[in-house]
Amino acid sequence: MRKKPRTARAVAANQGVQKEYARRLRNALRMLLRDALRDLHQELGMAHDAAGGFEPSPSDITRRFAADMARWMVKAGQIAKAISRWFCAAMYRTTTHAQKQALKAAGVSEKSIDARWGIPVLKRQYISPTAAKNLQKHIEDNTKLITKMASQDLARLQALMEETNGQNVSFSDIENLLKGSQGFDEERAKRVAMDQSNKLNQQIQRDNAADLGITKCIWMHVPGQFTQRKTHKAFDGKTFDTKIGLYDSDVGKNVLPGELPYCRCQARMVLPEELFGD
């Protein structure tokens, strides 16, 4: 009779980190828009006074946006990088700690884990060389995502200012516009935080697992709040290679847990017997 492989429990993304990421993201984008609006009102007001009552036209506002956009985007990039560095470090720390506890609960010795995870992150938390190698890429990818969101919100601000000729536009007007166009709002920050947390959580675990000699996992389907992918529901309980995943006919390619937008699926590591020799 074939021996059933030993597995470690699945590890979900840390909810505290996810909520804090959403809060930081929401507040940073609000601050950027508020500062941009203040700058525009000040600059257009100065132009108004200098021209003896001249009212700014949409073309005037477009020119002012073009002149200021580079400065705003530099600021957006700095904010995005700071948030991304914090987020990735927090996810690496909490995910690796929880993964280590899951491995120990499955019978893998701490000595065996520590021998393979020797790269420090924060607060005496160590990760695997593979995970460490990919850390900077995760920071860069997340920075690009936040910067893109900031650019989209500034474009919506420009459209609003041009529609009103820059007159009597308040921050509440901006919020209402962006909410109506699926732009900046609290729910968007929550969705992005959930998506990015799940993605990074699963990738960190796969990278850490690789340096333990773990190459197989068992798919755990986690339905979404309102919908679920039928293909992922069918994956539940299936074993997959951590570098290949399973074929998803809905997207026409192999996928891994957490890879597709808003996928909440997780994985249980299949533990090779070599890990129990120490």
Protein backbone atom coordinates (compact mmCIF):
# COMPACT_ATOMS: atom_id res chain seq x y z
CA MET A 1 0.00 0.00 0.00
CA ARG A 2 1.38 3.36 -1.02
CA LYS A 3 2.24 5.57 1.93
CA LYS A 4 0.26 8.80 2.10
CA PRO A 5 2.63 11.80 1.80
CA ARG A 6 2.99 14.09 4.76
CA THR A 7 1.81 17.65 4.25
CA ALA A 8 1.95 20.95 6.10
CA ARG A 9 -1.15 23.06 6.68
CA ALA A 10 -1.91 25.92 4.31
CA VAL A 11 -0.83 29.42 5.34
CA ALA A 12 -3.03 32.40 4.52
CA ALA A 13 -1.82 35.97 4.11
CA ASN A 14 -1.57 37.95 7.35
CA GLN A 15 -4.79 39.94 7.75
CA GLY A 16 -3.17 42.64 9.85
CA VAL A 17 -0.60 43.38 7.15
CA GLN A 18 -3.30 43.33 4.48
CA LYS A 19 -5.47 45.86 6.35
CA GLU A 20 -2.52 48.14 7.08
CA TYR A 21 -1.44 48.02 3.44
CA ALA A 22 -4.94 49.07 2.35
CA ARG A 23 -4.90 51.93 4.86
CA ARG A 24 -1.48 53.19 3.75
CA LEU A 25 -2.43 52.92 0.10
CA ARG A 26 -5.71 54.77 0.56
CA ASN A 27 -4.15 57.56 2.62
CA ALA A 28 -1.17 58.01 0.29
CA LEU A 29 -3.34 58.44 -2.80
CA ARG A 30 -5.66 60.82 -0.97
CA MET A 31 -2.70 62.92 0.13
CA LEU A 32 -1.25 63.02 -3.38
CA LEU A 33 -4.53 64.22 -4.91
CA ARG A 34 -5.08 66.76 -2.16
CA ASP A 35 -1.60 68.20 -2.65
CA ALA A 36 -2.03 68.31 -6.43
CA LEU A 37 -5.38 70.08 -6.11
CA ARG A 38 -3.90 72.63 -3.68
CA ASP A 39 -1.00 73.32 -6.06
CA LEU A 40 -3.34 73.80 -9.00
CA HIS A 41 -5.68 76.14 -7.18
CA GLN A 42 -2.74 78.21 -6.01
CA GLU A 43 -1.09 78.37 -9.43
CA LEU A 44 -4.31 79.05 -11.35
CA GLY A 45 -5.29 81.67 -8.79
CA MET A 46 -1.98 83.44 -9.26
CA ALA A 47 -2.47 83.37 -13.03
CA HIS A 48 -5.99 84.73 -12.55
CA ASP A 49 -4.73 87.71 -10.50
CA ALA A 50 -1.81 88.41 -12.82
CA ALA A 51 -4.13 88.55 -15.82
CA GLY A 52 -6.59 90.88 -14.12
CA GLY A 53 -9.46 88.46 -13.72
CA PHE A 54 -8.58 86.03 -16.51
CA GLU A 55 -10.46 82.72 -16.14
CA PRO A 56 -8.35 79.60 -16.87
CA SER A 57 -9.49 77.56 -19.87
CA PRO A 58 -9.20 73.77 -20.23
CA SER A 59 -6.06 74.31 -22.33
CA ASP A 60 -4.57 76.45 -19.53
CA ILE A 61 -5.25 73.66 -17.05
CA THR A 62 -3.81 71.04 -19.42
CA ARG A 63 -0.62 73.06 -19.77
CA ARG A 64 -0.38 73.48 -16.00
CA PHE A 65 -0.89 69.75 -15.51
CA ALA A 66 1.83 68.98 -18.03
CA ALA A 67 4.20 71.32 -16.22
CA ASP A 68 3.47 69.82 -12.81
CA MET A 69 2.92 66.15 -13.68
CA ALA A 70 6.60 65.18 -13.60
CA ARG A 71 6.97 66.60 -10.09
CA TRP A 72 3.82 64.88 -8.87
CA MET A 73 4.87 61.55 -10.38
CA VAL A 74 8.29 61.77 -8.73
CA LYS A 75 6.49 62.23 -5.41
CA ALA A 76 4.11 59.38 -6.26
CA GLY A 77 7.07 57.11 -7.01
CA GLN A 78 8.71 57.94 -3.69
CA ILE A 79 5.50 57.25 -1.77
CA ALA A 80 4.92 54.04 -3.72
CA LYS A 81 8.43 52.75 -3.01
CA ALA A 82 8.12 53.46 0.72
CA ILE A 83 4.80 51.61 0.94
CA SER A 84 6.12 48.73 -1.16
CA ARG A 85 9.25 48.29 0.94
CA TRP A 86 7.21 48.18 4.12
CA PHE A 87 4.60 45.84 2.61
CA CYS A 88 7.07 43.35 1.16
CA ALA A 89 9.19 43.25 4.33
CA ALA A 90 6.08 42.73 6.47
CA MET A 91 4.76 40.00 4.18
CA TYR A 92 8.11 38.22 4.07
CA ARG A 93 8.37 38.33 7.84
CA THR A 94 4.83 37.21 8.70
CA THR A 95 4.47 34.65 5.90
CA THR A 96 7.81 32.99 6.60
CA HIS A 97 7.12 32.85 10.33
CA ALA A 98 3.70 31.24 9.76
CA GLN A 99 5.14 28.85 7.18
CA LYS A 100 7.87 27.80 9.59
CA GLN A 101 5.29 27.10 12.29
CA ALA A 102 3.28 25.00 9.85
CA LEU A 103 6.36 22.97 8.93
CA LYS A 104 7.27 22.40 12.58
CA ALA A 105 3.69 21.34 13.35
CA ALA A 106 4.01 18.77 10.54
CA GLY A 107 7.12 17.31 12.17
CA VAL A 108 9.95 19.11 10.35
CA SER A 109 12.67 20.06 12.81
CA GLU A 110 13.62 23.70 13.34
CA LYS A 111 17.24 22.69 12.78
CA SER A 112 16.38 21.36 9.32
CA ILE A 113 14.57 24.59 8.41
CA ASP A 114 17.22 26.92 9.81
CA ALA A 115 19.95 25.11 7.88
CA ARG A 116 18.22 26.07 4.63
CA TRP A 117 16.75 29.48 5.49
CA GLY A 118 19.69 31.67 6.41
CA ILE A 119 19.01 35.11 4.92
CA PRO A 120 17.89 37.72 7.51
CA VAL A 121 14.90 39.98 6.85
CA LEU A 122 13.76 41.78 10.01
CA LYS A 123 13.52 41.04 13.73
CA ARG A 124 15.60 37.87 13.59
CA GLN A 125 13.38 36.40 10.86
CA TYR A 126 15.29 34.39 8.24
CA ILE A 127 14.21 33.44 4.73
CA SER A 128 15.55 31.17 2.03
CA PRO A 129 18.09 32.31 -0.59
CA THR A 130 15.49 31.93 -3.35
CA ALA A 131 13.01 34.11 -1.50
CA ALA A 132 15.70 36.70 -0.78
CA LYS A 133 16.71 36.80 -4.45
CA ASN A 134 13.15 37.73 -5.49
CA LEU A 135 12.50 40.34 -2.78
CA GLN A 136 13.69 43.33 -4.81
CA LYS A 137 11.56 42.33 -7.81
CA HIS A 138 8.47 42.17 -5.60
CA ILE A 139 9.22 45.65 -4.28
CA GLU A 140 9.68 46.98 -7.83
CA ASP A 141 6.49 45.35 -9.12
CA ASN A 142 4.42 46.71 -6.24
CA THR A 143 5.96 50.16 -6.66
CA LYS A 144 4.96 50.15 -10.34
CA LEU A 145 1.40 49.14 -9.44
CA ILE A 146 0.94 51.96 -6.91
CA THR A 147 2.58 54.50 -9.22
CA LYS A 148 0.21 53.48 -12.02
CA MET A 149 -2.76 53.95 -9.70
CA ALA A 150 -1.50 57.43 -8.80
CA SER A 151 -1.09 58.31 -12.47
CA GLN A 152 -4.66 57.22 -13.22
CA ASP A 153 -6.03 59.28 -10.34
CA LEU A 154 -4.13 62.38 -11.48
CA ALA A 155 -5.54 61.90 -14.98
CA ARG A 156 -9.06 61.87 -13.52
CA LEU A 157 -8.27 65.02 -11.55
CA GLN A 158 -7.14 66.69 -14.77
CA ALA A 159 -10.42 65.73 -16.49
CA LEU A 160 -12.45 67.15 -13.60
CA MET A 161 -10.48 70.40 -13.53
CA GLU A 162 -10.88 70.85 -17.30
CA GLU A 163 -14.63 70.27 -17.10
CA THR A 164 -15.03 72.98 -14.46
CA ASN A 165 -12.26 75.31 -15.64
CA GLY A 166 -10.66 74.77 -12.26
CA GLN A 167 -13.35 76.70 -10.40
CA ASN A 168 -14.78 75.61 -7.04
CA VAL A 169 -13.42 72.05 -7.18
CA SER A 170 -13.14 70.53 -3.70
CA PHE A 171 -11.58 67.30 -2.56
CA SER A 172 -15.07 65.86 -2.01
CA ASP A 173 -15.78 66.56 -5.71
CA ILE A 174 -12.66 64.57 -6.61
CA GLU A 175 -13.65 61.66 -4.37
CA ASN A 176 -17.15 61.52 -5.85
CA LEU A 177 -15.79 61.56 -9.39
CA LEU A 178 -13.26 58.84 -8.75
CA LYS A 179 -15.71 56.64 -6.88
CA GLY A 180 -18.15 56.90 -9.74
CA SER A 181 -15.48 55.82 -12.23
CA GLN A 182 -14.16 52.93 -10.15
CA GLY A 183 -11.14 55.00 -9.26
CA PHE A 184 -9.83 55.89 -5.85
CA ASP A 185 -12.06 54.70 -3.03
CA GLU A 186 -11.79 52.58 0.07
CA GLU A 187 -13.05 49.45 -1.64
CA ARG A 188 -10.41 49.69 -4.36
CA ALA A 189 -7.68 49.91 -1.73
CA LYS A 190 -9.11 46.82 -0.02
CA ARG A 191 -9.30 44.88 -3.28
CA VAL A 192 -5.73 45.75 -4.25
CA ALA A 193 -4.47 44.88 -0.76
CA MET A 194 -6.25 41.51 -0.81
CA ASP A 195 -4.98 40.67 -4.28
CA GLN A 196 -1.38 41.68 -3.64
CA SER A 197 -1.26 40.02 -0.21
CA ASN A 198 -2.51 36.69 -1.56
CA LYS A 199 -0.12 36.80 -4.52
CA LEU A 200 2.94 37.60 -2.44
CA ASN A 201 2.01 35.19 0.35
CA GLN A 202 1.87 32.25 -2.06
CA GLN A 203 5.02 33.25 -3.94
CA ILE A 204 7.07 33.63 -0.74
CA GLN A 205 5.98 30.18 0.40
CA ARG A 206 6.91 28.60 -2.92
CA ASP A 207 10.33 30.27 -2.86
CA ASN A 208 10.99 29.20 0.72
CA ALA A 209 9.76 25.69 -0.07
CA ALA A 210 12.09 25.37 -3.05
CA ASP A 211 15.16 25.60 -0.82
CA LEU A 212 13.71 22.87 1.40
CA GLY A 213 13.46 20.55 -1.60
CA ILE A 214 9.67 20.88 -1.72
CA THR A 215 8.42 20.71 -5.30
CA LYS A 216 4.82 19.54 -4.86
CA CYS A 217 1.78 21.13 -3.24
CA ILE A 218 -1.91 20.34 -2.92
CA TRP A 219 -4.34 22.97 -4.18
CA MET A 220 -6.83 24.35 -1.64
CA HIS A 221 -9.75 26.18 -3.21
CA VAL A 222 -10.87 29.28 -1.31
CA PRO A 223 -14.03 30.86 -2.80
CA GLY A 224 -14.25 34.61 -3.26
CA GLN A 225 -16.64 36.81 -1.32
CA PHE A 226 -19.15 36.97 -4.16
CA THR A 227 -17.94 34.61 -6.88
CA GLN A 228 -15.64 31.64 -7.43
CA ARG A 229 -13.80 30.22 -10.41
CA LYS A 230 -15.26 26.85 -11.41
CA THR A 231 -11.86 25.72 -12.66
CA HIS A 232 -10.25 26.47 -9.30
CA LYS A 233 -13.04 24.71 -7.45
CA ALA A 234 -12.25 21.65 -9.58
CA PHE A 235 -8.55 21.99 -8.62
CA ASP A 236 -9.32 21.51 -4.93
CA GLY A 237 -7.30 18.60 -3.54
CA LYS A 238 -5.17 18.12 -6.67
CA THR A 239 -1.39 17.87 -6.44
CA PHE A 240 0.67 20.20 -8.64
CA ASP A 241 4.29 21.02 -9.35
CA THR A 242 5.20 24.35 -7.74
CA LYS A 243 6.91 25.53 -10.94
CA ILE A 244 4.12 24.44 -13.29
CA GLY A 245 0.76 24.72 -11.54
CA LEU A 246 -2.47 23.38 -13.05
CA TYR A 247 -4.06 24.08 -16.42
CA ASP A 248 -6.90 26.59 -16.19
CA SER A 249 -9.08 26.29 -19.28
CA ASP A 250 -10.73 29.65 -18.57
CA VAL A 251 -7.46 31.51 -19.20
CA GLY A 252 -5.78 28.95 -21.47
CA LYS A 253 -2.64 28.44 -19.41
CA ASN A 254 -1.24 26.87 -16.25
CA VAL A 255 -1.75 28.87 -13.09
CA LEU A 256 -0.67 28.75 -9.44
CA PRO A 257 -2.67 29.62 -6.30
CA GLY A 258 -3.01 33.39 -5.93
CA GLU A 259 -1.68 34.11 -9.42
CA LEU A 260 -4.86 35.29 -11.15
CA PRO A 261 -6.53 38.56 -10.11
CA TYR A 262 -8.25 38.25 -6.73
CA CYS A 263 -7.57 34.53 -6.46
CA ARG A 264 -7.67 33.50 -2.80
CA CYS A 265 -6.66 29.88 -3.28
CA GLN A 266 -3.92 28.45 -1.09
CA ALA A 267 -1.65 25.40 -1.05
CA ARG A 268 -0.54 22.67 1.33
CA MET A 269 3.12 21.71 0.97
CA VAL A 270 3.87 18.05 0.26
CA LEU A 271 6.88 17.27 2.42
CA PRO A 272 9.68 15.03 1.13
CA GLU A 273 10.89 12.37 3.56
CA GLU A 274 14.39 13.86 3.46
CA LEU A 275 13.17 16.73 5.64
CA PHE A 276 12.52 14.35 8.54
CA GLY A 277 16.04 12.95 8.68
CA ASP A 278 17.58 15.70 10.85
